[in-house]
PDB file of all heavy atoms in Angstrom:
ATOM      1  N   MET A   1     114.064  99.974 110.264  1.00  0.00           N
ATOM      2  CA  MET A   1     113.647  98.636 109.952  1.00  0.00           C
ATOM      3  C   MET A   1     112.223  98.414 110.231  1.00  0.00           C
ATOM      4  O   MET A   1     111.735  98.731 111.374  1.00  0.00           O
ATOM      5  CB  MET A   1     114.524  97.607 110.854  1.00  0.00           C
ATOM      6  CG  MET A   1     114.238  96.222 110.475  1.00  0.00           C
ATOM      7  SD  MET A   1     115.049  95.740 108.958  1.00  0.00           S
ATOM      8  CE  MET A   1     114.768  93.984 108.891  1.00  0.00           C
ATOM      9  N   SER A   2     111.434  97.972 109.269  1.00  0.00           N
ATOM     10  CA  SER A   2     109.964  97.931 109.355  1.00  0.00           C
ATOM     11  C   SER A   2     109.458  96.672 110.099  1.00  0.00           C
ATOM     12  O   SER A   2     108.411  96.628 110.624  1.00  0.00           O
ATOM     13  CB  SER A   2     109.283  98.041 107.964  1.00  0.00           C
ATOM     14  OG  SER A   2     109.569  96.892 107.252  1.00  0.00           O
ATOM     15  N   GLY A   3     110.307  95.631 110.073  1.00  0.00           N
ATOM     16  CA  GLY A   3     109.921  94.375 110.614  1.00  0.00           C
ATOM     17  C   GLY A   3     108.868  93.730 109.780  1.00  0.00           C
ATOM     18  O   GLY A   3     108.306  92.746 110.228  1.00  0.00           O
ATOM     19  N   LYS A   4     108.609  94.174 108.534  1.00  0.00           N
ATOM     20  CA  LYS A   4     107.489  93.760 107.714  1.00  0.00           C
ATOM     21  C   LYS A   4     108.071  92.899 106.530  1.00  0.00           C
ATOM     22  O   LYS A   4     108.827  93.385 105.780  1.00  0.00           O
ATOM     23  CB  LYS A   4     106.724  94.865 107.210  1.00  0.00           C
ATOM     24  CG  LYS A   4     105.252  94.591 106.844  1.00  0.00           C
ATOM     25  CD  LYS A   4     104.527  95.892 106.600  1.00  0.00           C
ATOM     26  CE  LYS A   4     103.064  95.653 106.577  1.00  0.00           C
ATOM     27  NZ  LYS A   4     102.329  96.929 106.269  1.00  0.00           N
ATOM     28  N   PHE A   5     107.651  91.647 106.383  1.00  0.00           N
ATOM     29  CA  PHE A   5     108.148  90.748 105.385  1.00  0.00           C
ATOM     30  C   PHE A   5     106.835  90.205 104.646  1.00  0.00           C
ATOM     31  O   PHE A   5     106.032  89.538 105.421  1.00  0.00           O
ATOM     32  CB  PHE A   5     109.025  89.644 105.857  1.00  0.00           C
ATOM     33  CG  PHE A   5     110.049  90.151 106.861  1.00  0.00           C
ATOM     34  CD1 PHE A   5     110.028  89.696 108.194  1.00  0.00           C
ATOM     35  CD2 PHE A   5     110.998  91.049 106.469  1.00  0.00           C
ATOM     36  CE1 PHE A   5     110.935  90.131 109.145  1.00  0.00           C
ATOM     37  CE2 PHE A   5     111.976  91.466 107.419  1.00  0.00           C
ATOM     38  CZ  PHE A   5     111.896  91.075 108.691  1.00  0.00           C
ATOM     39  N   PHE A   6     106.760  90.296 103.323  1.00  0.00           N
ATOM     40  CA  PHE A   6     105.556  89.765 102.653  1.00  0.00           C
ATOM     41  C   PHE A   6     105.512  88.197 102.692  1.00  0.00           C
ATOM     42  O   PHE A   6     106.578  87.622 102.563  1.00  0.00           O
ATOM     43  CB  PHE A   6     105.537  90.283 101.248  1.00  0.00           C
ATOM     44  CG  PHE A   6     105.313  91.780 101.092  1.00  0.00           C
ATOM     45  CD1 PHE A   6     106.268  92.664 100.771  1.00  0.00           C
ATOM     46  CD2 PHE A   6     104.040  92.307 101.463  1.00  0.00           C
ATOM     47  CE1 PHE A   6     106.026  94.066 100.762  1.00  0.00           C
ATOM     48  CE2 PHE A   6     103.873  93.623 101.404  1.00  0.00           C
ATOM     49  CZ  PHE A   6     104.837  94.529 101.046  1.00  0.00           C
ATOM     50  N   THR A   7     104.347  87.683 102.794  1.00  0.00           N
ATOM     51  CA  THR A   7     104.103  86.309 103.007  1.00  0.00           C
ATOM     52  C   THR A   7     104.278  85.599 101.580  1.00  0.00           C
ATOM     53  O   THR A   7     103.541  85.866 100.621  1.00  0.00           O
ATOM     54  CB  THR A   7     102.719  85.965 103.461  1.00  0.00           C
ATOM     55  OG1 THR A   7     102.491  86.814 104.641  1.00  0.00           O
ATOM     56  CG2 THR A   7     102.601  84.500 103.876  1.00  0.00           C
ATOM     57  N   PRO A   8     105.212  84.544 101.434  1.00  0.00           N
ATOM     58  CA  PRO A   8     105.290  83.871 100.209  1.00  0.00           C
ATOM     59  C   PRO A   8     103.875  83.085  99.957  1.00  0.00           C
ATOM     60  O   PRO A   8     103.268  82.592 100.880  1.00  0.00           O
ATOM     61  CB  PRO A   8     106.299  82.779 100.482  1.00  0.00           C
ATOM     62  CG  PRO A   8     107.249  83.400 101.532  1.00  0.00           C
ATOM     63  CD  PRO A   8     106.277  84.204 102.387  1.00  0.00           C
ATOM     64  N   HIS A   9     103.468  83.083  98.645  1.00  0.00           N
ATOM     65  CA  HIS A   9     102.134  82.566  98.270  1.00  0.00           C
ATOM     66  C   HIS A   9     101.971  81.117  98.765  1.00  0.00           C
ATOM     67  O   HIS A   9     100.885  80.800  99.229  1.00  0.00           O
ATOM     68  CB  HIS A   9     101.942  82.719  96.795  1.00  0.00           C
ATOM     69  CG  HIS A   9     100.543  82.350  96.439  1.00  0.00           C
ATOM     70  ND1 HIS A   9     100.175  81.203  95.702  1.00  0.00           N
ATOM     71  CD2 HIS A   9      99.376  83.006  96.573  1.00  0.00           C
ATOM     72  CE1 HIS A   9      98.903  81.155  95.549  1.00  0.00           C
ATOM     73  NE2 HIS A   9      98.343  82.215  96.054  1.00  0.00           N
ATOM     74  N   PRO A  10     103.007  80.255  98.674  1.00  0.00           N
ATOM     75  CA  PRO A  10     102.705  78.803  99.128  1.00  0.00           C
ATOM     76  C   PRO A  10     102.408  78.755 100.516  1.00  0.00           C
ATOM     77  O   PRO A  10     101.654  77.807 100.925  1.00  0.00           O
ATOM     78  CB  PRO A  10     104.068  78.166  98.765  1.00  0.00           C
ATOM     79  CG  PRO A  10     104.666  78.882  97.573  1.00  0.00           C
ATOM     80  CD  PRO A  10     104.292  80.367  97.938  1.00  0.00           C
ATOM     81  N   ILE A  11     102.965  79.591 101.362  1.00  0.00           N
ATOM     82  CA  ILE A  11     102.665  79.542 102.808  1.00  0.00           C
ATOM     83  C   ILE A  11     101.269  80.153 103.066  1.00  0.00           C
ATOM     84  O   ILE A  11     100.475  79.568 103.821  1.00  0.00           O
ATOM     85  CB  ILE A  11     103.694  80.332 103.621  1.00  0.00           C
ATOM     86  CG1 ILE A  11     105.127  79.644 103.492  1.00  0.00           C
ATOM     87  CG2 ILE A  11     103.287  80.394 105.075  1.00  0.00           C
ATOM     88  CD1 ILE A  11     106.227  80.309 104.107  1.00  0.00           C
ATOM     89  N   ALA A  12     100.969  81.229 102.367  1.00  0.00           N
ATOM     90  CA  ALA A  12      99.601  81.775 102.462  1.00  0.00           C
ATOM     91  C   ALA A  12      98.555  80.752 102.074  1.00  0.00           C
ATOM     92  O   ALA A  12      97.534  80.743 102.775  1.00  0.00           O
ATOM     93  CB  ALA A  12      99.517  83.029 101.572  1.00  0.00           C
ATOM     94  N   MET A  13      98.740  79.981 101.112  1.00  0.00           N
ATOM     95  CA  MET A  13      97.811  78.975 100.608  1.00  0.00           C
ATOM     96  C   MET A  13      97.525  77.992 101.714  1.00  0.00           C
ATOM     97  O   MET A  13      96.292  77.692 101.918  1.00  0.00           O
ATOM     98  CB  MET A  13      98.377  78.320  99.462  1.00  0.00           C
ATOM     99  CG  MET A  13      98.350  79.034  98.101  1.00  0.00           C
ATOM    100  SD  MET A  13      99.043  78.038  96.791  1.00  0.00           S
ATOM    101  CE  MET A  13      98.038  76.581  96.759  1.00  0.00           C
ATOM    102  N   GLN A  14      98.530  77.512 102.363  1.00  0.00           N
ATOM    103  CA  GLN A  14      98.336  76.525 103.476  1.00  0.00           C
ATOM    104  C   GLN A  14      97.750  77.192 104.659  1.00  0.00           C
ATOM    105  O   GLN A  14      96.901  76.545 105.411  1.00  0.00           O
ATOM    106  CB  GLN A  14      99.634  75.871 103.820  1.00  0.00           C
ATOM    107  CG  GLN A  14     100.311  75.198 102.609  1.00  0.00           C
ATOM    108  CD  GLN A  14      99.355  74.226 101.793  1.00  0.00           C
ATOM    109  OE1 GLN A  14      98.572  73.526 102.456  1.00  0.00           O
ATOM    110  NE2 GLN A  14      99.511  74.300 100.511  1.00  0.00           N
ATOM    111  N   MET A  15      98.019  78.456 104.986  1.00  0.00           N
ATOM    112  CA  MET A  15      97.424  79.104 106.145  1.00  0.00           C
ATOM    113  C   MET A  15      95.936  79.257 105.898  1.00  0.00           C
ATOM    114  O   MET A  15      95.111  79.109 106.880  1.00  0.00           O
ATOM    115  CB  MET A  15      98.081  80.435 106.426  1.00  0.00           C
ATOM    116  CG  MET A  15      99.593  80.215 106.970  1.00  0.00           C
ATOM    117  SD  MET A  15     100.507  81.742 107.223  1.00  0.00           S
ATOM    118  CE  MET A  15      99.581  82.598 108.505  1.00  0.00           C
ATOM    119  N   VAL A  16      95.564  79.598 104.731  1.00  0.00           N
ATOM    120  CA  VAL A  16      94.127  79.826 104.363  1.00  0.00           C
ATOM    121  C   VAL A  16      93.366  78.471 104.647  1.00  0.00           C
ATOM    122  O   VAL A  16      92.250  78.386 105.054  1.00  0.00           O
ATOM    123  CB  VAL A  16      93.929  80.393 103.010  1.00  0.00           C
ATOM    124  CG1 VAL A  16      92.433  80.252 102.612  1.00  0.00           C
ATOM    125  CG2 VAL A  16      94.402  81.799 102.967  1.00  0.00           C
ATOM    126  N   LYS A  17      94.015  77.349 104.245  1.00  0.00           N
ATOM    127  CA  LYS A  17      93.428  76.067 104.372  1.00  0.00           C
ATOM    128  C   LYS A  17      93.085  75.716 105.880  1.00  0.00           C
ATOM    129  O   LYS A  17      92.297  74.804 106.146  1.00  0.00           O
ATOM    130  CB  LYS A  17      94.287  74.986 103.855  1.00  0.00           C
ATOM    131  CG  LYS A  17      94.286  75.034 102.274  1.00  0.00           C
ATOM    132  CD  LYS A  17      95.222  73.964 101.707  1.00  0.00           C
ATOM    133  CE  LYS A  17      95.301  74.031 100.191  1.00  0.00           C
ATOM    134  NZ  LYS A  17      96.267  72.996  99.672  1.00  0.00           N
ATOM    135  N   MET A  18      93.738  76.482 106.788  1.00  0.00           N
ATOM    136  CA  MET A  18      93.502  76.266 108.201  1.00  0.00           C
ATOM    137  C   MET A  18      92.262  76.884 108.725  1.00  0.00           C
ATOM    138  O   MET A  18      91.948  76.764 109.927  1.00  0.00           O
ATOM    139  CB  MET A  18      94.709  76.692 109.002  1.00  0.00           C
ATOM    140  CG  MET A  18      95.994  76.009 108.658  1.00  0.00           C
ATOM    141  SD  MET A  18      97.408  76.605 109.578  1.00  0.00           S
ATOM    142  CE  MET A  18      98.784  75.882 108.604  1.00  0.00           C
ATOM    143  N   LEU A  19      91.465  77.521 107.898  1.00  0.00           N
ATOM    144  CA  LEU A  19      90.184  78.152 108.278  1.00  0.00           C
ATOM    145  C   LEU A  19      89.108  77.192 107.718  1.00  0.00           C
ATOM    146  O   LEU A  19      88.945  76.886 106.541  1.00  0.00           O
ATOM    147  CB  LEU A  19      90.027  79.532 107.542  1.00  0.00           C
ATOM    148  CG  LEU A  19      91.086  80.593 107.810  1.00  0.00           C
ATOM    149  CD1 LEU A  19      90.747  81.825 107.014  1.00  0.00           C
ATOM    150  CD2 LEU A  19      91.271  80.804 109.266  1.00  0.00           C
ATOM    151  N   PRO A  20      88.217  76.821 108.626  1.00  0.00           N
ATOM    152  CA  PRO A  20      87.012  75.999 108.252  1.00  0.00           C
ATOM    153  C   PRO A  20      86.120  76.806 107.337  1.00  0.00           C
ATOM    154  O   PRO A  20      85.778  77.936 107.608  1.00  0.00           O
ATOM    155  CB  PRO A  20      86.283  75.632 109.518  1.00  0.00           C
ATOM    156  CG  PRO A  20      87.380  75.868 110.595  1.00  0.00           C
ATOM    157  CD  PRO A  20      88.305  76.893 110.139  1.00  0.00           C
ATOM    158  N   VAL A  21      85.879  76.302 106.188  1.00  0.00           N
ATOM    159  CA  VAL A  21      85.031  77.065 105.191  1.00  0.00           C
ATOM    160  C   VAL A  21      83.571  77.083 105.683  1.00  0.00           C
ATOM    161  O   VAL A  21      82.987  76.074 106.051  1.00  0.00           O
ATOM    162  CB  VAL A  21      85.099  76.382 103.800  1.00  0.00           C
ATOM    163  CG1 VAL A  21      84.200  77.126 102.822  1.00  0.00           C
ATOM    164  CG2 VAL A  21      86.435  76.378 103.260  1.00  0.00           C
ATOM    165  N   LYS A  22      82.966  78.299 105.792  1.00  0.00           N
ATOM    166  CA  LYS A  22      81.617  78.436 106.083  1.00  0.00           C
ATOM    167  C   LYS A  22      81.054  79.651 105.382  1.00  0.00           C
ATOM    168  O   LYS A  22      81.765  80.689 105.233  1.00  0.00           O
ATOM    169  CB  LYS A  22      81.413  78.522 107.584  1.00  0.00           C
ATOM    170  CG  LYS A  22      81.993  79.717 108.258  1.00  0.00           C
ATOM    171  CD  LYS A  22      81.590  79.766 109.734  1.00  0.00           C
ATOM    172  CE  LYS A  22      82.148  80.950 110.475  1.00  0.00           C
ATOM    173  NZ  LYS A  22      81.758  80.967 111.874  1.00  0.00           N
ATOM    174  N   ALA A  23      79.780  79.599 104.983  1.00  0.00           N
ATOM    175  CA  ALA A  23      79.176  80.795 104.265  1.00  0.00           C
ATOM    176  C   ALA A  23      79.094  81.979 105.174  1.00  0.00           C
ATOM    177  O   ALA A  23      78.799  81.838 106.426  1.00  0.00           O
ATOM    178  CB  ALA A  23      77.760  80.333 103.839  1.00  0.00           C
ATOM    179  N   ASN A  24      79.288  83.108 104.624  1.00  0.00           N
ATOM    180  CA  ASN A  24      79.084  84.478 105.245  1.00  0.00           C
ATOM    181  C   ASN A  24      80.095  84.777 106.386  1.00  0.00           C
ATOM    182  O   ASN A  24      79.773  85.571 107.218  1.00  0.00           O
ATOM    183  CB  ASN A  24      77.622  84.568 105.789  1.00  0.00           C
ATOM    184  CG  ASN A  24      76.634  84.435 104.619  1.00  0.00           C
ATOM    185  OD1 ASN A  24      76.768  85.056 103.607  1.00  0.00           O
ATOM    186  ND2 ASN A  24      75.643  83.568 104.904  1.00  0.00           N
ATOM    187  N   ALA A  25      81.302  84.060 106.299  1.00  0.00           N
ATOM    188  CA  ALA A  25      82.305  84.298 107.270  1.00  0.00           C
ATOM    189  C   ALA A  25      82.833  85.743 107.048  1.00  0.00           C
ATOM    190  O   ALA A  25      82.918  86.188 105.902  1.00  0.00           O
ATOM    191  CB  ALA A  25      83.432  83.331 107.177  1.00  0.00           C
ATOM    192  N   VAL A  26      83.245  86.412 108.115  1.00  0.00           N
ATOM    193  CA  VAL A  26      83.835  87.721 108.097  1.00  0.00           C
ATOM    194  C   VAL A  26      85.330  87.466 108.373  1.00  0.00           C
ATOM    195  O   VAL A  26      85.705  86.977 109.460  1.00  0.00           O
ATOM    196  CB  VAL A  26      83.219  88.731 109.071  1.00  0.00           C
ATOM    197  CG1 VAL A  26      83.898  90.079 108.946  1.00  0.00           C
ATOM    198  CG2 VAL A  26      81.717  88.815 108.913  1.00  0.00           C
ATOM    199  N   ILE A  27      86.149  87.810 107.443  1.00  0.00           N
ATOM    200  CA  ILE A  27      87.614  87.520 107.483  1.00  0.00           C
ATOM    201  C   ILE A  27      88.373  88.804 107.367  1.00  0.00           C
ATOM    202  O   ILE A  27      88.164  89.631 106.412  1.00  0.00           O
ATOM    203  CB  ILE A  27      87.998  86.602 106.341  1.00  0.00           C
ATOM    204  CG1 ILE A  27      87.122  85.260 106.449  1.00  0.00           C
ATOM    205  CG2 ILE A  27      89.502  86.209 106.476  1.00  0.00           C
ATOM    206  CD1 ILE A  27      87.324  84.363 105.209  1.00  0.00           C
ATOM    207  N   ILE A  28      89.371  89.073 108.234  1.00  0.00           N
ATOM    208  CA  ILE A  28      90.163  90.286 108.127  1.00  0.00           C
ATOM    209  C   ILE A  28      91.607  89.943 108.135  1.00  0.00           C
ATOM    210  O   ILE A  28      92.083  89.025 108.821  1.00  0.00           O
ATOM    211  CB  ILE A  28      89.836  91.244 109.331  1.00  0.00           C
ATOM    212  CG1 ILE A  28      90.582  92.618 109.101  1.00  0.00           C
ATOM    213  CG2 ILE A  28      90.209  90.600 110.617  1.00  0.00           C
ATOM    214  CD1 ILE A  28      90.098  93.684 110.117  1.00  0.00           C
ATOM    215  N   ASP A  29      92.399  90.657 107.327  1.00  0.00           N
ATOM    216  CA  ASP A  29      93.819  90.703 107.452  1.00  0.00           C
ATOM    217  C   ASP A  29      94.221  92.053 107.935  1.00  0.00           C
ATOM    218  O   ASP A  29      94.117  93.094 107.142  1.00  0.00           O
ATOM    219  CB  ASP A  29      94.513  90.399 106.150  1.00  0.00           C
ATOM    220  CG  ASP A  29      96.049  90.416 106.208  1.00  0.00           C
ATOM    221  OD1 ASP A  29      96.592  90.869 107.212  1.00  0.00           O
ATOM    222  OD2 ASP A  29      96.674  90.026 105.235  1.00  0.00           O
ATOM    223  N   PRO A  30      94.519  92.287 109.210  1.00  0.00           N
ATOM    224  CA  PRO A  30      94.759  93.610 109.783  1.00  0.00           C
ATOM    225  C   PRO A  30      96.071  94.293 109.312  1.00  0.00           C
ATOM    226  O   PRO A  30      96.241  95.447 109.539  1.00  0.00           O
ATOM    227  CB  PRO A  30      94.778  93.362 111.306  1.00  0.00           C
ATOM    228  CG  PRO A  30      95.168  92.002 111.391  1.00  0.00           C
ATOM    229  CD  PRO A  30      94.701  91.290 110.241  1.00  0.00           C
ATOM    230  N   THR A  31      96.975  93.537 108.645  1.00  0.00           N
ATOM    231  CA  THR A  31      98.214  94.080 108.075  1.00  0.00           C
ATOM    232  C   THR A  31      98.360  93.498 106.701  1.00  0.00           C
ATOM    233  O   THR A  31      99.262  92.742 106.482  1.00  0.00           O
ATOM    234  CB  THR A  31      99.474  93.752 108.978  1.00  0.00           C
ATOM    235  OG1 THR A  31      99.518  92.359 109.208  1.00  0.00           O
ATOM    236  CG2 THR A  31      99.264  94.426 110.376  1.00  0.00           C
ATOM    237  N   CYS A  32      97.509  93.928 105.803  1.00  0.00           N
ATOM    238  CA  CYS A  32      97.298  93.093 104.608  1.00  0.00           C
ATOM    239  C   CYS A  32      98.315  93.322 103.538  1.00  0.00           C
ATOM    240  O   CYS A  32      98.372  92.480 102.590  1.00  0.00           O
ATOM    241  CB  CYS A  32      95.812  93.435 103.982  1.00  0.00           C
ATOM    242  SG  CYS A  32      95.712  95.176 103.368  1.00  0.00           S
ATOM    243  N   GLY A  33      99.217  94.221 103.605  1.00  0.00           N
ATOM    244  CA  GLY A  33     100.248  94.486 102.612  1.00  0.00           C
ATOM    245  C   GLY A  33      99.667  94.486 101.185  1.00  0.00           C
ATOM    246  O   GLY A  33      98.847  95.394 100.956  1.00  0.00           O
ATOM    247  N   GLY A  34     100.069  93.586 100.335  1.00  0.00           N
ATOM    248  CA  GLY A  34      99.581  93.526  98.993  1.00  0.00           C
ATOM    249  C   GLY A  34      98.335  92.732  98.789  1.00  0.00           C
ATOM    250  O   GLY A  34      97.923  92.447  97.657  1.00  0.00           O
ATOM    251  N   GLY A  35      97.706  92.196  99.824  1.00  0.00           N
ATOM    252  CA  GLY A  35      96.444  91.482  99.726  1.00  0.00           C
ATOM    253  C   GLY A  35      96.571  90.050  99.474  1.00  0.00           C
ATOM    254  O   GLY A  35      95.689  89.335  99.046  1.00  0.00           O
ATOM    255  N   THR A  36      97.748  89.416  99.726  1.00  0.00           N
ATOM    256  CA  THR A  36      97.999  88.035  99.468  1.00  0.00           C
ATOM    257  C   THR A  36      97.016  87.096 100.130  1.00  0.00           C
ATOM    258  O   THR A  36      96.428  86.203  99.542  1.00  0.00           O
ATOM    259  CB  THR A  36      99.433  87.653  99.861  1.00  0.00           C
ATOM    260  OG1 THR A  36     100.406  88.387  99.176  1.00  0.00           O
ATOM    261  CG2 THR A  36      99.699  86.191  99.539  1.00  0.00           C
ATOM    262  N   PHE A  37      96.772  87.300 101.450  1.00  0.00           N
ATOM    263  CA  PHE A  37      95.911  86.311 102.150  1.00  0.00           C
ATOM    264  C   PHE A  37      94.512  86.531 101.650  1.00  0.00           C
ATOM    265  O   PHE A  37      93.763  85.492 101.394  1.00  0.00           O
ATOM    266  CB  PHE A  37      95.828  86.753 103.676  1.00  0.00           C
ATOM    267  CG  PHE A  37      97.077  86.169 104.443  1.00  0.00           C
ATOM    268  CD1 PHE A  37      97.813  86.966 105.216  1.00  0.00           C
ATOM    269  CD2 PHE A  37      97.373  84.764 104.377  1.00  0.00           C
ATOM    270  CE1 PHE A  37      98.894  86.420 105.920  1.00  0.00           C
ATOM    271  CE2 PHE A  37      98.444  84.307 105.075  1.00  0.00           C
ATOM    272  CZ  PHE A  37      99.199  85.091 105.863  1.00  0.00           C
ATOM    273  N   LEU A  38      94.021  87.722 101.397  1.00  0.00           N
ATOM    274  CA  LEU A  38      92.681  87.933 100.956  1.00  0.00           C
ATOM    275  C   LEU A  38      92.496  87.347  99.507  1.00  0.00           C
ATOM    276  O   LEU A  38      91.315  86.755  99.190  1.00  0.00           O
ATOM    277  CB  LEU A  38      92.299  89.416 100.996  1.00  0.00           C
ATOM    278  CG  LEU A  38      92.389  90.052 102.355  1.00  0.00           C
ATOM    279  CD1 LEU A  38      92.094  91.541 102.262  1.00  0.00           C
ATOM    280  CD2 LEU A  38      91.508  89.416 103.372  1.00  0.00           C
ATOM    281  N   LYS A  39      93.412  87.561  98.691  1.00  0.00           N
ATOM    282  CA  LYS A  39      93.387  86.993  97.333  1.00  0.00           C
ATOM    283  C   LYS A  39      93.370  85.456  97.399  1.00  0.00           C
ATOM    284  O   LYS A  39      92.575  84.844  96.625  1.00  0.00           O
ATOM    285  CB  LYS A  39      94.581  87.459  96.575  1.00  0.00           C
ATOM    286  CG  LYS A  39      94.753  86.799  95.165  1.00  0.00           C
ATOM    287  CD  LYS A  39      95.950  87.375  94.459  1.00  0.00           C
ATOM    288  CE  LYS A  39      96.254  86.684  93.096  1.00  0.00           C
ATOM    289  NZ  LYS A  39      96.795  85.326  93.367  1.00  0.00           N
TER     290      LYS A  39
END
């Protein structure tokens, strides 16, 4: 069992909104899977 479940896009959308937008921010997803958060 990997314990790994991909994030549904509607949830990822709202989680990204919890980041204050600022220029030149450095953002990492350390367990990025298929890149949903970064996309």
